[in-house]
Amino acid sequence: MYCSPCSLTIPVFGIDGAGKSSLIYRLKGACLGFINPIPFCCTKKKTIRMNLYDLGGLESIRAIWKNYLAEAHGYVYVIDGLDLTRLGESVQALKDIYSFPKMQGKPLLM
């Protein structure tokens, strides 16, 4: 993943159904209706281009999250705070991904 000096690479993590795609659509300024996940999105805010990676949150897909860590400038982790039945799962998934050394020292927005 190559990024110019005015470009940021930001993976967006979270378990399935947490609202990752909705957040990315909102950052793009799109109206929300039925949301389809988008694996890759570029949006430009003022002079900074953000390359956002909407990573799938199903448990079977979470193993690939580590592949997006090395080139990232920072991370976004989305938690659905109203879904209390899956809050523990969401916290554990965050702990799992945050344990990777490539994530250390980079900003995390939750």
C-alpha atoms as a PDB file:
ATOM      1  CA  MET A   1       0.000   0.000   0.000  1.00  0.00           C
ATOM      2  CA  TYR A   2       1.679   3.210  -1.125  1.00  0.00           C
ATOM      3  CA  CYS A   3       0.478   6.505   0.276  1.00  0.00           C
ATOM      4  CA  SER A   4       1.600   9.983  -0.660  1.00  0.00           C
ATOM      5  CA  PRO A   5       2.616  12.400   2.136  1.00  0.00           C
ATOM      6  CA  CYS A   6      -0.932  13.832   2.178  1.00  0.00           C
ATOM      7  CA  SER A   7      -2.574  10.432   2.293  1.00  0.00           C
ATOM      8  CA  LEU A   8      -3.490   8.236   5.256  1.00  0.00           C
ATOM      9  CA  THR A   9      -4.120   4.490   5.232  1.00  0.00           C
ATOM     10  CA  ILE A  10      -6.653   3.569   7.903  1.00  0.00           C
ATOM     11  CA  PRO A  11      -8.129   0.101   8.383  1.00  0.00           C
ATOM     12  CA  VAL A  12     -11.588   0.089   9.978  1.00  0.00           C
ATOM     13  CA  PHE A  13     -12.058  -2.914  12.280  1.00  0.00           C
ATOM     14  CA  GLY A  14     -14.986  -4.242  14.294  1.00  0.00           C
ATOM     15  CA  ILE A  15     -17.123  -7.355  14.551  1.00  0.00           C
ATOM     16  CA  ASP A  16     -19.839  -7.959  11.984  1.00  0.00           C
ATOM     17  CA  GLY A  17     -22.797  -5.609  12.295  1.00  0.00           C
ATOM     18  CA  ALA A  18     -20.917  -3.056  14.411  1.00  0.00           C
ATOM     19  CA  GLY A  19     -21.426  -0.199  11.940  1.00  0.00           C
ATOM     20  CA  LYS A  20     -18.105  -0.032  10.080  1.00  0.00           C
ATOM     21  CA  SER A  21     -19.659   0.498   6.652  1.00  0.00           C
ATOM     22  CA  SER A  22     -22.156   3.030   8.016  1.00  0.00           C
ATOM     23  CA  LEU A  23     -19.310   5.052   9.515  1.00  0.00           C
ATOM     24  CA  ILE A  24     -17.373   5.050   6.247  1.00  0.00           C
ATOM     25  CA  TYR A  25     -20.437   6.115   4.255  1.00  0.00           C
ATOM     26  CA  ARG A  26     -21.005   8.964   6.726  1.00  0.00           C
ATOM     27  CA  LEU A  27     -17.388  10.095   6.399  1.00  0.00           C
ATOM     28  CA  LYS A  28     -17.948  10.241   2.644  1.00  0.00           C
ATOM     29  CA  GLY A  29     -21.023  12.404   3.230  1.00  0.00           C
ATOM     30  CA  ALA A  30     -23.427   9.840   1.798  1.00  0.00           C
ATOM     31  CA  CYS A  31     -27.047   9.419   2.836  1.00  0.00           C
ATOM     32  CA  LEU A  32     -27.684   6.267   4.797  1.00  0.00           C
ATOM     33  CA  GLY A  33     -30.245   3.739   3.723  1.00  0.00           C
ATOM     34  CA  PHE A  34     -29.455   0.073   3.233  1.00  0.00           C
ATOM     35  CA  ILE A  35     -25.694  -0.227   3.614  1.00  0.00           C
ATOM     36  CA  ASN A  36     -23.550  -2.645   1.641  1.00  0.00           C
ATOM     37  CA  PRO A  37     -20.044  -3.192   2.966  1.00  0.00           C
ATOM     38  CA  ILE A  38     -17.339  -1.628   0.822  1.00  0.00           C
ATOM     39  CA  PRO A  39     -13.925  -3.252   1.055  1.00  0.00           C
ATOM     40  CA  PHE A  40     -11.990  -0.131   0.051  1.00  0.00           C
ATOM     41  CA  CYS A  41     -12.905   3.532   0.002  1.00  0.00           C
ATOM     42  CA  CYS A  42     -11.056   6.746  -0.607  1.00  0.00           C
ATOM     43  CA  THR A  43     -12.387  10.007   0.687  1.00  0.00           C
ATOM     44  CA  LYS A  44     -10.784  13.416   0.706  1.00  0.00           C
ATOM     45  CA  LYS A  45     -11.302  15.885   3.521  1.00  0.00           C
ATOM     46  CA  LYS A  46      -9.681  19.251   2.842  1.00  0.00           C
ATOM     47  CA  THR A  47      -6.098  18.363   1.898  1.00  0.00           C
ATOM     48  CA  ILE A  48      -5.846  14.877   3.374  1.00  0.00           C
ATOM     49  CA  ARG A  49      -6.829  11.799   1.425  1.00  0.00           C
ATOM     50  CA  MET A  50      -7.983   8.913   3.616  1.00  0.00           C
ATOM     51  CA  ASN A  51      -7.732   5.375   2.279  1.00  0.00           C
ATOM     52  CA  LEU A  52     -10.197   3.476   4.452  1.00  0.00           C
ATOM     53  CA  TYR A  53     -10.297  -0.318   4.459  1.00  0.00           C
ATOM     54  CA  ASP A  54     -13.668  -1.696   5.557  1.00  0.00           C
ATOM     55  CA  LEU A  55     -12.555  -5.043   6.943  1.00  0.00           C
ATOM     56  CA  GLY A  56     -15.094  -7.803   7.383  1.00  0.00           C
ATOM     57  CA  GLY A  57     -15.955  -8.564  10.971  1.00  0.00           C
ATOM     58  CA  LEU A  58     -17.146 -12.156  10.805  1.00  0.00           C
ATOM     59  CA  GLU A  59     -15.166 -14.385  13.126  1.00  0.00           C
ATOM     60  CA  SER A  60     -13.954 -16.472  10.163  1.00  0.00           C
ATOM     61  CA  ILE A  61     -12.508 -13.343   8.482  1.00  0.00           C
ATOM     62  CA  ARG A  62     -10.819 -11.715  11.490  1.00  0.00           C
ATOM     63  CA  ALA A  63      -7.640 -13.729  10.911  1.00  0.00           C
ATOM     64  CA  ILE A  64      -6.806 -11.504   7.903  1.00  0.00           C
ATOM     65  CA  TRP A  65      -6.950  -8.287   9.955  1.00  0.00           C
ATOM     66  CA  LYS A  66      -3.250  -8.586  10.773  1.00  0.00           C
ATOM     67  CA  ASN A  67      -2.430  -8.242   7.051  1.00  0.00           C
ATOM     68  CA  TYR A  68      -3.577  -4.601   7.146  1.00  0.00           C
ATOM     69  CA  LEU A  69      -1.485  -3.447  10.106  1.00  0.00           C
ATOM     70  CA  ALA A  70       2.015  -2.764   8.774  1.00  0.00           C
ATOM     71  CA  GLU A  71       1.214   0.058   6.337  1.00  0.00           C
ATOM     72  CA  ALA A  72      -1.510   1.696   8.416  1.00  0.00           C
ATOM     73  CA  HIS A  73      -1.044   5.175   9.834  1.00  0.00           C
ATOM     74  CA  GLY A  74      -3.719   4.573  12.466  1.00  0.00           C
ATOM     75  CA  TYR A  75      -6.784   2.464  13.120  1.00  0.00           C
ATOM     76  CA  VAL A  76     -10.498   2.816  13.698  1.00  0.00           C
ATOM     77  CA  TYR A  77     -12.294   0.202  15.807  1.00  0.00           C
ATOM     78  CA  VAL A  78     -16.096   0.337  15.732  1.00  0.00           C
ATOM     79  CA  ILE A  79     -18.180  -0.998  18.624  1.00  0.00           C
ATOM     80  CA  ASP A  80     -21.978  -1.117  18.634  1.00  0.00           C
ATOM     81  CA  GLY A  81     -22.543   0.126  22.173  1.00  0.00           C
ATOM     82  CA  LEU A  82     -26.243  -0.749  22.023  1.00  0.00           C
ATOM     83  CA  ASP A  83     -25.663  -4.431  21.268  1.00  0.00           C
ATOM     84  CA  LEU A  84     -24.852  -5.539  24.799  1.00  0.00           C
ATOM     85  CA  THR A  85     -25.155  -9.216  23.869  1.00  0.00           C
ATOM     86  CA  ARG A  86     -22.023  -8.924  21.685  1.00  0.00           C
ATOM     87  CA  LEU A  87     -20.048  -6.366  23.675  1.00  0.00           C
ATOM     88  CA  GLY A  88     -17.784  -9.037  25.189  1.00  0.00           C
ATOM     89  CA  GLU A  89     -17.067 -10.474  21.736  1.00  0.00           C
ATOM     90  CA  SER A  90     -16.241  -7.010  20.438  1.00  0.00           C
ATOM     91  CA  VAL A  91     -13.868  -6.266  23.320  1.00  0.00           C
ATOM     92  CA  GLN A  92     -12.123  -9.629  22.855  1.00  0.00           C
ATOM     93  CA  ALA A  93     -11.681  -9.014  19.104  1.00  0.00           C
ATOM     94  CA  LEU A  94     -10.104  -5.633  19.908  1.00  0.00           C
ATOM     95  CA  LYS A  95      -7.754  -7.243  22.446  1.00  0.00           C
ATOM     96  CA  ASP A  96      -6.770  -9.870  19.870  1.00  0.00           C
ATOM     97  CA  ILE A  97      -5.894  -7.329  17.176  1.00  0.00           C
ATOM     98  CA  TYR A  98      -4.249  -4.880  19.573  1.00  0.00           C
ATOM     99  CA  SER A  99      -1.833  -7.580  20.715  1.00  0.00           C
ATOM    100  CA  PHE A 100      -0.021  -7.515  17.351  1.00  0.00           C
ATOM    101  CA  PRO A 101       3.303  -5.636  17.572  1.00  0.00           C
ATOM    102  CA  LYS A 102       2.656  -3.788  14.277  1.00  0.00           C
ATOM    103  CA  MET A 103      -0.245  -2.005  15.929  1.00  0.00           C
ATOM    104  CA  GLN A 104       1.786  -0.629  18.814  1.00  0.00           C
ATOM    105  CA  GLY A 105       2.580   3.087  18.785  1.00  0.00           C
ATOM    106  CA  LYS A 106      -0.074   3.985  16.210  1.00  0.00           C
ATOM    107  CA  PRO A 107      -3.258   5.910  17.037  1.00  0.00           C
ATOM    108  CA  LEU A 108      -6.467   3.987  17.661  1.00  0.00           C
ATOM    109  CA  LEU A 109      -9.885   5.638  17.434  1.00  0.00           C
ATOM    110  CA  MET A 110     -12.830   3.757  18.922  1.00  0.00           C
END
